C-alpha atoms as a PDB file:
ATOM      1  CA  UNK A   1     -35.056 -18.221  -6.735  1.00  0.00           C
ATOM      2  CA  UNK A   2     -34.713 -14.932  -4.926  1.00  0.00           C
ATOM      3  CA  UNK A   3     -36.520 -12.114  -6.697  1.00  0.00           C
ATOM      4  CA  UNK A   4     -35.179  -8.669  -6.039  1.00  0.00           C
ATOM      5  CA  UNK A   5     -37.221  -5.611  -6.887  1.00  0.00           C
ATOM      6  CA  UNK A   6     -35.553  -2.359  -7.878  1.00  0.00           C
ATOM      7  CA  UNK A   7     -37.165   0.977  -8.404  1.00  0.00           C
ATOM      8  CA  UNK A   8     -34.996   3.515 -10.175  1.00  0.00           C
ATOM      9  CA  UNK A   9     -35.863   7.177 -10.302  1.00  0.00           C
ATOM     10  CA  UNK A  10     -35.461   8.878 -13.654  1.00  0.00           C
ATOM     11  CA  UNK A  11     -33.488  10.595 -14.938  1.00  0.00           C
ATOM     12  CA  UNK A  12     -30.558   8.430 -13.945  1.00  0.00           C
ATOM     13  CA  UNK A  13     -27.299   9.942 -12.897  1.00  0.00           C
ATOM     14  CA  UNK A  14     -24.760   9.534 -15.679  1.00  0.00           C
ATOM     15  CA  UNK A  15     -22.381   6.646 -15.915  1.00  0.00           C
ATOM     16  CA  UNK A  16     -19.165   7.325 -17.736  1.00  0.00           C
ATOM     17  CA  UNK A  17     -18.370   4.181 -19.697  1.00  0.00           C
ATOM     18  CA  UNK A  18     -14.652   4.856 -19.548  1.00  0.00           C
ATOM     19  CA  UNK A  19     -12.567   2.392 -21.537  1.00  0.00           C
ATOM     20  CA  UNK A  20     -14.778  -0.635 -21.029  1.00  0.00           C
ATOM     21  CA  UNK A  21     -15.940  -1.651 -24.461  1.00  0.00           C
ATOM     22  CA  UNK A  22     -14.489  -3.138 -27.559  1.00  0.00           C
ATOM     23  CA  UNK A  23     -12.784  -0.457 -29.604  1.00  0.00           C
ATOM     24  CA  UNK A  24     -12.047   1.645 -26.542  1.00  0.00           C
ATOM     25  CA  UNK A  25      -9.131   4.005 -26.499  1.00  0.00           C
ATOM     26  CA  UNK A  26      -5.997   2.435 -24.980  1.00  0.00           C
ATOM     27  CA  UNK A  27      -4.607   3.699 -21.722  1.00  0.00           C
ATOM     28  CA  UNK A  28      -0.950   4.607 -21.272  1.00  0.00           C
ATOM     29  CA  UNK A  29       1.445   1.768 -20.452  1.00  0.00           C
ATOM     30  CA  UNK A  30       3.006   3.873 -17.689  1.00  0.00           C
ATOM     31  CA  UNK A  31      -0.428   4.198 -16.052  1.00  0.00           C
ATOM     32  CA  UNK A  32      -0.938   0.432 -16.298  1.00  0.00           C
ATOM     33  CA  UNK A  33       2.306  -0.307 -14.446  1.00  0.00           C
ATOM     34  CA  UNK A  34       1.316   2.022 -11.608  1.00  0.00           C
ATOM     35  CA  UNK A  35      -2.202   0.597 -11.410  1.00  0.00           C
ATOM     36  CA  UNK A  36      -0.958  -2.990 -11.300  1.00  0.00           C
ATOM     37  CA  UNK A  37       0.736  -2.269  -8.002  1.00  0.00           C
ATOM     38  CA  UNK A  38      -1.293   0.646  -6.670  1.00  0.00           C
ATOM     39  CA  UNK A  39      -4.879   0.232  -7.887  1.00  0.00           C
ATOM     40  CA  UNK A  40      -6.061  -1.068  -4.541  1.00  0.00           C
ATOM     41  CA  UNK A  41      -9.263  -2.506  -6.013  1.00  0.00           C
ATOM     42  CA  UNK A  42     -10.506  -5.941  -4.994  1.00  0.00           C
ATOM     43  CA  UNK A  43     -10.852  -8.173  -8.049  1.00  0.00           C
ATOM     44  CA  UNK A  44     -12.376 -11.641  -8.159  1.00  0.00           C
ATOM     45  CA  UNK A  45     -12.419 -14.204 -10.945  1.00  0.00           C
ATOM     46  CA  UNK A  46     -15.784 -15.907 -11.366  1.00  0.00           C
ATOM     47  CA  UNK A  47     -17.928 -17.924 -13.736  1.00  0.00           C
ATOM     48  CA  UNK A  48     -21.238 -16.172 -14.432  1.00  0.00           C
ATOM     49  CA  UNK A  49     -24.411 -17.653 -15.832  1.00  0.00           C
ATOM     50  CA  UNK A  50     -26.412 -16.048 -18.607  1.00  0.00           C
ATOM     51  CA  UNK A  51     -29.476 -13.985 -17.661  1.00  0.00           C
ATOM     52  CA  UNK A  52     -32.491 -13.161 -19.787  1.00  0.00           C
ATOM     53  CA  UNK A  53     -32.677  -9.433 -20.451  1.00  0.00           C
ATOM     54  CA  UNK A  54     -34.767  -6.790 -22.106  1.00  0.00           C
ATOM     55  CA  UNK A  55     -32.560  -4.095 -23.588  1.00  0.00           C
ATOM     56  CA  UNK A  56     -32.389  -1.000 -25.748  1.00  0.00           C
ATOM     57  CA  UNK A  57     -29.288  -0.221 -27.797  1.00  0.00           C
ATOM     58  CA  UNK A  58     -28.279   3.416 -27.514  1.00  0.00           C
ATOM     59  CA  UNK A  59     -25.559   5.725 -28.727  1.00  0.00           C
ATOM     60  CA  UNK A  60     -24.630   9.074 -27.286  1.00  0.00           C
ATOM     61  CA  UNK A  61     -21.967  11.695 -27.037  1.00  0.00           C
ATOM     62  CA  UNK A  62     -19.898  11.224 -23.886  1.00  0.00           C
ATOM     63  CA  UNK A  63     -21.345  14.384 -22.378  1.00  0.00           C
ATOM     64  CA  UNK A  64     -22.724  13.269 -18.990  1.00  0.00           C
ATOM     65  CA  UNK A  65     -26.152  14.892 -19.382  1.00  0.00           C
ATOM     66  CA  UNK A  66     -26.578  13.219 -22.795  1.00  0.00           C
ATOM     67  CA  UNK A  67     -25.746   9.733 -21.457  1.00  0.00           C
ATOM     68  CA  UNK A  68     -28.044  10.272 -18.480  1.00  0.00           C
ATOM     69  CA  UNK A  69     -30.924  11.279 -20.739  1.00  0.00           C
ATOM     70  CA  UNK A  70     -30.445   8.237 -23.017  1.00  0.00           C
ATOM     71  CA  UNK A  71     -30.114   5.762 -20.131  1.00  0.00           C
ATOM     72  CA  UNK A  72     -33.064   7.222 -18.269  1.00  0.00           C
ATOM     73  CA  UNK A  73     -35.290   7.030 -21.337  1.00  0.00           C
ATOM     74  CA  UNK A  74     -34.255   3.461 -22.128  1.00  0.00           C
ATOM     75  CA  UNK A  75     -34.775   2.152 -18.589  1.00  0.00           C
ATOM     76  CA  UNK A  76     -38.117   3.960 -18.413  1.00  0.00           C
ATOM     77  CA  UNK A  77     -39.341   2.284 -21.625  1.00  0.00           C
ATOM     78  CA  UNK A  78     -38.199  -1.152 -20.466  1.00  0.00           C
ATOM     79  CA  UNK A  79     -39.790  -0.786 -17.018  1.00  0.00           C
ATOM     80  CA  UNK A  80     -43.065   0.371 -18.606  1.00  0.00           C
ATOM     81  CA  UNK A  81     -43.177  -2.744 -20.812  1.00  0.00           C
ATOM     82  CA  UNK A  82     -42.334  -4.942 -17.840  1.00  0.00           C
ATOM     83  CA  UNK A  83     -45.254  -3.446 -15.930  1.00  0.00           C
ATOM     84  CA  UNK A  84     -47.678  -4.096 -18.786  1.00  0.00           C
ATOM     85  CA  UNK A  85     -46.367  -7.634 -19.386  1.00  0.00           C
ATOM     86  CA  UNK A  86     -46.191  -8.348 -15.631  1.00  0.00           C
ATOM     87  CA  UNK A  87     -42.511  -9.291 -15.801  1.00  0.00           C
ATOM     88  CA  UNK A  88     -40.288  -9.195 -12.724  1.00  0.00           C
ATOM     89  CA  UNK A  89     -36.732  -7.937 -12.455  1.00  0.00           C
ATOM     90  CA  UNK A  90     -34.196 -10.499 -11.205  1.00  0.00           C
ATOM     91  CA  UNK A  91     -31.273  -8.227 -10.378  1.00  0.00           C
ATOM     92  CA  UNK A  92     -30.095  -4.667 -10.744  1.00  0.00           C
ATOM     93  CA  UNK A  93     -30.236  -2.924 -14.147  1.00  0.00           C
ATOM     94  CA  UNK A  94     -27.079  -3.130 -16.243  1.00  0.00           C
ATOM     95  CA  UNK A  95     -25.369  -1.264 -19.060  1.00  0.00           C
ATOM     96  CA  UNK A  96     -23.315  -3.255 -21.560  1.00  0.00           C
ATOM     97  CA  UNK A  97     -20.609  -1.051 -23.027  1.00  0.00           C
ATOM     98  CA  UNK A  98     -20.241  -1.671 -26.774  1.00  0.00           C
ATOM     99  CA  UNK A  99     -17.904   1.216 -27.585  1.00  0.00           C
ATOM    100  CA  UNK A 100     -16.418   4.243 -25.874  1.00  0.00           C
ATOM    101  CA  UNK A 101     -14.275   6.710 -27.803  1.00  0.00           C
ATOM    102  CA  UNK A 102     -12.595   9.747 -26.320  1.00  0.00           C
ATOM    103  CA  UNK A 103     -11.383  10.739 -29.770  1.00  0.00           C
ATOM    104  CA  UNK A 104     -14.856  10.465 -31.289  1.00  0.00           C
ATOM    105  CA  UNK A 105     -16.530  11.831 -28.137  1.00  0.00           C
ATOM    106  CA  UNK A 106     -19.096   9.043 -28.448  1.00  0.00           C
ATOM    107  CA  UNK A 107     -20.261   5.850 -26.795  1.00  0.00           C
ATOM    108  CA  UNK A 108     -22.571   2.942 -27.587  1.00  0.00           C
ATOM    109  CA  UNK A 109     -24.253   0.786 -24.972  1.00  0.00           C
ATOM    110  CA  UNK A 110     -27.160  -1.527 -24.254  1.00  0.00           C
ATOM    111  CA  UNK A 111     -29.305  -0.383 -21.324  1.00  0.00           C
ATOM    112  CA  UNK A 112     -30.635  -3.703 -20.005  1.00  0.00           C
ATOM    113  CA  UNK A 113     -32.860  -5.105 -17.285  1.00  0.00           C
ATOM    114  CA  UNK A 114     -32.571  -8.780 -16.222  1.00  0.00           C
ATOM    115  CA  UNK A 115     -36.008 -10.416 -16.016  1.00  0.00           C
ATOM    116  CA  UNK A 116     -37.548 -13.549 -14.502  1.00  0.00           C
ATOM    117  CA  UNK A 117     -38.828 -16.135 -16.968  1.00  0.00           C
ATOM    118  CA  UNK A 118     -38.804 -14.037 -20.128  1.00  0.00           C
ATOM    119  CA  UNK A 119     -41.533 -15.637 -22.253  1.00  0.00           C
ATOM    120  CA  UNK A 120     -40.338 -16.769 -25.679  1.00  0.00           C
ATOM    121  CA  UNK A 121     -43.714 -15.794 -27.098  1.00  0.00           C
ATOM    122  CA  UNK A 122     -43.323 -12.184 -25.929  1.00  0.00           C
ATOM    123  CA  UNK A 123     -43.597 -10.105 -29.087  1.00  0.00           C
ATOM    124  CA  UNK A 124     -41.664  -6.873 -29.116  1.00  0.00           C
ATOM    125  CA  UNK A 125     -41.838  -4.019 -31.541  1.00  0.00           C
ATOM    126  CA  UNK A 126     -40.095  -0.701 -31.308  1.00  0.00           C
ATOM    127  CA  UNK A 127     -36.736  -0.252 -29.632  1.00  0.00           C
ATOM    128  CA  UNK A 128     -36.901  -2.932 -26.940  1.00  0.00           C
ATOM    129  CA  UNK A 129     -35.164  -6.223 -27.706  1.00  0.00           C
ATOM    130  CA  UNK A 130     -34.780  -9.445 -25.770  1.00  0.00           C
ATOM    131  CA  UNK A 131     -31.568 -11.343 -25.320  1.00  0.00           C
ATOM    132  CA  UNK A 132     -29.169 -13.074 -22.967  1.00  0.00           C
ATOM    133  CA  UNK A 133     -26.146 -11.784 -21.107  1.00  0.00           C
ATOM    134  CA  UNK A 134     -22.663 -13.272 -21.410  1.00  0.00           C
ATOM    135  CA  UNK A 135     -21.995 -16.609 -19.718  1.00  0.00           C
ATOM    136  CA  UNK A 136     -18.485 -17.669 -18.767  1.00  0.00           C
ATOM    137  CA  UNK A 137     -15.360 -16.481 -17.009  1.00  0.00           C
ATOM    138  CA  UNK A 138     -15.162 -12.872 -15.819  1.00  0.00           C
ATOM    139  CA  UNK A 139     -13.192 -10.636 -13.557  1.00  0.00           C
ATOM    140  CA  UNK A 140     -15.358  -8.556 -11.285  1.00  0.00           C
ATOM    141  CA  UNK A 141     -14.961  -5.634  -8.920  1.00  0.00           C
ATOM    142  CA  UNK A 142     -17.154  -3.360  -6.843  1.00  0.00           C
ATOM    143  CA  UNK A 143     -16.707   0.352  -7.517  1.00  0.00           C
ATOM    144  CA  UNK A 144     -17.861   2.480  -4.588  1.00  0.00           C
ATOM    145  CA  UNK A 145     -18.365   6.160  -5.199  1.00  0.00           C
ATOM    146  CA  UNK A 146     -19.011   8.610  -7.992  1.00  0.00           C
ATOM    147  CA  UNK A 147     -19.569   7.385 -11.530  1.00  0.00           C
ATOM    148  CA  UNK A 148     -17.142  10.108 -12.595  1.00  0.00           C
ATOM    149  CA  UNK A 149     -14.332   8.115 -10.940  1.00  0.00           C
ATOM    150  CA  UNK A 150     -15.068   4.867 -12.779  1.00  0.00           C
ATOM    151  CA  UNK A 151     -12.130   5.330 -15.158  1.00  0.00           C
ATOM    152  CA  UNK A 152      -9.567   4.516 -12.455  1.00  0.00           C
ATOM    153  CA  UNK A 153     -11.465   1.317 -11.631  1.00  0.00           C
ATOM    154  CA  UNK A 154     -11.591   0.330 -15.309  1.00  0.00           C
ATOM    155  CA  UNK A 155      -7.882   1.041 -15.660  1.00  0.00           C
ATOM    156  CA  UNK A 156      -7.207  -1.230 -12.670  1.00  0.00           C
ATOM    157  CA  UNK A 157      -9.257  -4.029 -14.245  1.00  0.00           C
ATOM    158  CA  UNK A 158      -7.473  -3.664 -17.584  1.00  0.00           C
ATOM    159  CA  UNK A 159      -4.106  -3.736 -15.805  1.00  0.00           C
ATOM    160  CA  UNK A 160      -5.149  -6.928 -13.988  1.00  0.00           C
ATOM    161  CA  UNK A 161      -6.117  -8.561 -17.296  1.00  0.00           C
ATOM    162  CA  UNK A 162      -2.727  -7.693 -18.778  1.00  0.00           C
ATOM    163  CA  UNK A 163      -0.698  -8.646 -15.692  1.00  0.00           C
ATOM    164  CA  UNK A 164      -2.334 -12.084 -15.499  1.00  0.00           C
ATOM    165  CA  UNK A 165      -2.060 -12.940 -19.196  1.00  0.00           C
ATOM    166  CA  UNK A 166      -5.789 -12.823 -19.905  1.00  0.00           C
ATOM    167  CA  UNK A 167      -7.539 -11.446 -22.966  1.00  0.00           C
ATOM    168  CA  UNK A 168     -10.845  -9.621 -23.089  1.00  0.00           C
ATOM    169  CA  UNK A 169     -13.615 -11.902 -24.315  1.00  0.00           C
ATOM    170  CA  UNK A 170     -16.517  -9.603 -25.098  1.00  0.00           C
ATOM    171  CA  UNK A 171     -18.105  -6.435 -23.800  1.00  0.00           C
ATOM    172  CA  UNK A 172     -17.766  -5.262 -20.217  1.00  0.00           C
ATOM    173  CA  UNK A 173     -20.870  -4.315 -18.264  1.00  0.00           C
ATOM    174  CA  UNK A 174     -21.869  -2.384 -15.192  1.00  0.00           C
ATOM    175  CA  UNK A 175     -24.512  -3.464 -12.699  1.00  0.00           C
ATOM    176  CA  UNK A 176     -26.127  -0.582 -10.807  1.00  0.00           C
ATOM    177  CA  UNK A 177     -26.591  -2.010  -7.319  1.00  0.00           C
ATOM    178  CA  UNK A 178     -27.718   1.262  -5.766  1.00  0.00           C
ATOM    179  CA  UNK A 179     -30.374   3.673  -6.953  1.00  0.00           C
ATOM    180  CA  UNK A 180     -28.657   7.008  -7.660  1.00  0.00           C
ATOM    181  CA  UNK A 181     -31.839   8.771  -6.570  1.00  0.00           C
ATOM    182  CA  UNK A 182     -31.672   7.200  -3.109  1.00  0.00           C
ATOM    183  CA  UNK A 183     -28.007   6.520  -2.310  1.00  0.00           C
ATOM    184  CA  UNK A 184     -25.424   9.237  -1.768  1.00  0.00           C
ATOM    185  CA  UNK A 185     -22.803   9.458  -4.494  1.00  0.00           C
ATOM    186  CA  UNK A 186     -19.793   8.757  -2.249  1.00  0.00           C
ATOM    187  CA  UNK A 187     -21.166   5.341  -1.138  1.00  0.00           C
ATOM    188  CA  UNK A 188     -23.003   4.290  -4.331  1.00  0.00           C
ATOM    189  CA  UNK A 189     -22.104   0.747  -5.482  1.00  0.00           C
ATOM    190  CA  UNK A 190     -21.526  -0.292  -9.096  1.00  0.00           C
ATOM    191  CA  UNK A 191     -20.313  -3.802  -9.956  1.00  0.00           C
ATOM    192  CA  UNK A 192     -18.129  -3.998 -13.083  1.00  0.00           C
ATOM    193  CA  UNK A 193     -17.649  -7.228 -15.032  1.00  0.00           C
ATOM    194  CA  UNK A 194     -15.081  -8.007 -17.752  1.00  0.00           C
ATOM    195  CA  UNK A 195     -15.399 -11.250 -19.757  1.00  0.00           C
ATOM    196  CA  UNK A 196     -11.966 -12.887 -20.062  1.00  0.00           C
ATOM    197  CA  UNK A 197     -10.247 -15.884 -21.593  1.00  0.00           C
END
């Protein structure tokens, strides 16, 4: 198994969880039609396996500085525990979008870190929880650029789901391939996954 090590500087640059989660605000049908033919994003359909994760559930306003503060704190706590418990990260940190509401100006997400061989006997107290990621069919795309422009990528994914007769099958998530403290915003890579059926 390939073990990849990631070091993320805190605070993290904000991710706008635009329209990814259950209960998200709908986008306009007119926008969907345009994005079906003009989105220009590369989408693949894949089967993903479950990964063991450590995560912290968070809620925030959708103000970028607020999300950044919450994500940075959560990842910092998880990485500190991993250091103490001598756990290794298997892939880039992720954020699982549980809810995003423009009307309510709020979002809910799980800031998560995939880990190698998460011991069942690991006892956690406080905010950190252990779990597994989704396993099954997904659509996936690579967003390159500013987190602020993620909404267009999400809209393209939602249009693809609709155009191909799929249904969403759980929460979407983002995988932060590049460290925002080390990679320039215009070339930063974020992989977005949508469970489908």
